Amino acid sequence: MSTTDWAPEACTLPTAEQPLRVAEFDQLFADHLRTVTRVDPTTLELTLAAEAETTTADLTARETECCSFFTFELTPTATHLTLRITVPPAHVAVLDALNTRYG
């Protein structure tokens, strides 16, 4: 899937950098993703390995800078990391694409 298929106009990350960002998320999730749960139409919850906390925090902070419509909530425990991703209703298609790609 090309990032231009689902990256909304609200995303300010330069088009040339979007595949690199997707590759970072792909690598993070390939290495650490345990489960994906669609909580509701605007919320996706991912469980990752606990050791992914620093990488996840850095990547989601950078993503928020260019795609301010995302809300990322990280909840670490001793055994895992929960990443809750929320978007406003206008950006549900982006969450749908993430769910399809990683779910």
Protein backbone atom coordinates (compact mmCIF):
# COMPACT_ATOMS: atom_id res chain seq x y z
CA MET A 1 0.00 0.00 0.00
CA SER A 2 1.32 3.41 -0.90
CA THR A 3 1.13 6.04 1.81
CA THR A 4 -0.46 8.41 -0.67
CA ASP A 5 -3.42 6.02 -0.81
CA TRP A 6 -4.48 7.01 2.69
CA ALA A 7 -2.37 9.90 4.01
CA PRO A 8 -4.80 12.83 4.33
CA GLU A 9 -4.07 16.36 3.20
CA ALA A 10 -3.78 17.30 6.89
CA CYS A 11 -0.47 15.41 6.99
CA THR A 12 2.41 17.86 6.68
CA LEU A 13 5.19 15.26 6.35
CA PRO A 14 6.76 15.82 2.94
CA THR A 15 5.56 13.23 0.43
CA ALA A 16 9.10 11.99 -0.18
CA GLU A 17 9.49 11.21 3.55
CA GLN A 18 6.17 9.37 3.95
CA PRO A 19 7.47 5.96 2.76
CA LEU A 20 10.35 6.24 5.22
CA ARG A 21 7.94 6.89 8.09
CA VAL A 22 5.75 3.98 7.05
CA ALA A 23 8.86 1.79 6.97
CA GLU A 24 9.66 2.85 10.56
CA PHE A 25 6.17 1.84 11.70
CA ASP A 26 6.38 -1.39 9.68
CA GLN A 27 9.65 -2.29 11.40
CA LEU A 28 8.38 -1.37 14.86
CA PHE A 29 5.27 -3.48 14.42
CA ALA A 30 7.09 -6.38 12.73
CA ASP A 31 9.46 -6.56 15.69
CA HIS A 32 7.14 -5.82 18.60
CA LEU A 33 3.41 -5.95 17.78
CA ARG A 34 1.43 -8.55 19.72
CA THR A 35 -2.25 -7.68 19.17
CA VAL A 36 -4.47 -5.14 17.44
CA THR A 37 -7.97 -4.34 18.68
CA ARG A 38 -10.44 -1.98 17.02
CA VAL A 39 -12.06 -0.43 20.08
CA ASP A 40 -14.51 1.71 18.10
CA PRO A 41 -14.54 3.51 14.72
CA THR A 42 -12.13 6.21 15.94
CA THR A 43 -9.88 4.15 18.23
CA LEU A 44 -7.33 1.42 17.62
CA GLU A 45 -5.45 -0.26 20.45
CA LEU A 46 -2.18 -2.08 19.88
CA THR A 47 -0.23 -4.21 22.32
CA LEU A 48 3.51 -4.22 21.83
CA ALA A 49 6.45 -5.76 23.64
CA ALA A 50 7.51 -3.72 26.67
CA GLU A 51 10.98 -3.08 25.25
CA ALA A 52 9.43 -1.06 22.40
CA GLU A 53 8.51 1.84 24.69
CA THR A 54 11.35 4.23 23.78
CA THR A 55 11.08 3.62 20.03
CA THR A 56 7.29 3.90 20.12
CA ALA A 57 7.38 7.14 22.12
CA ASP A 58 9.87 8.69 19.70
CA LEU A 59 8.03 7.59 16.57
CA THR A 60 4.59 8.65 17.78
CA ALA A 61 5.95 12.03 18.91
CA ARG A 62 7.37 12.64 15.44
CA GLU A 63 4.14 11.48 13.82
CA THR A 64 2.10 13.88 15.94
CA GLU A 65 4.27 16.76 14.67
CA CYS A 66 3.17 16.18 11.08
CA CYS A 67 -0.25 14.60 11.61
CA SER A 68 -1.75 16.52 14.49
CA PHE A 69 -5.11 14.78 14.12
CA PHE A 70 -3.63 11.65 15.76
CA THR A 71 -3.79 11.17 19.51
CA PHE A 72 -1.35 8.56 20.77
CA GLU A 73 -1.59 7.29 24.34
CA LEU A 74 1.16 5.02 25.62
CA THR A 75 0.58 2.87 28.70
CA PRO A 76 3.58 0.78 29.75
CA THR A 77 3.44 -2.17 32.10
CA ALA A 78 6.12 -4.63 33.16
CA THR A 79 5.10 -7.08 30.43
CA HIS A 80 3.86 -4.97 27.52
CA LEU A 81 3.12 -1.56 26.09
CA THR A 82 -0.36 -0.46 25.06
CA LEU A 83 -0.55 2.08 22.25
CA ARG A 84 -4.00 3.63 21.87
CA ILE A 85 -4.46 5.58 18.64
CA THR A 86 -7.43 7.90 18.34
CA VAL A 87 -8.50 10.06 15.40
CA PRO A 88 -11.41 12.46 14.89
CA PRO A 89 -14.32 11.12 12.83
CA ALA A 90 -13.09 12.98 9.72
CA HIS A 91 -9.96 10.78 9.71
CA VAL A 92 -11.47 7.34 10.30
CA ALA A 93 -10.21 6.24 6.86
CA VAL A 94 -6.64 6.64 8.10
CA LEU A 95 -7.37 4.43 11.10
CA ASP A 96 -9.08 1.94 8.78
CA ALA A 97 -5.90 1.80 6.68
CA LEU A 98 -3.74 1.27 9.77
CA ASN A 99 -6.05 -1.49 10.96
CA THR A 100 -5.92 -3.17 7.56
CA ARG A 101 -2.13 -2.86 7.31
CA TYR A 102 -1.26 -4.03 10.83
CA GLY A 103 -4.38 -5.81 12.07
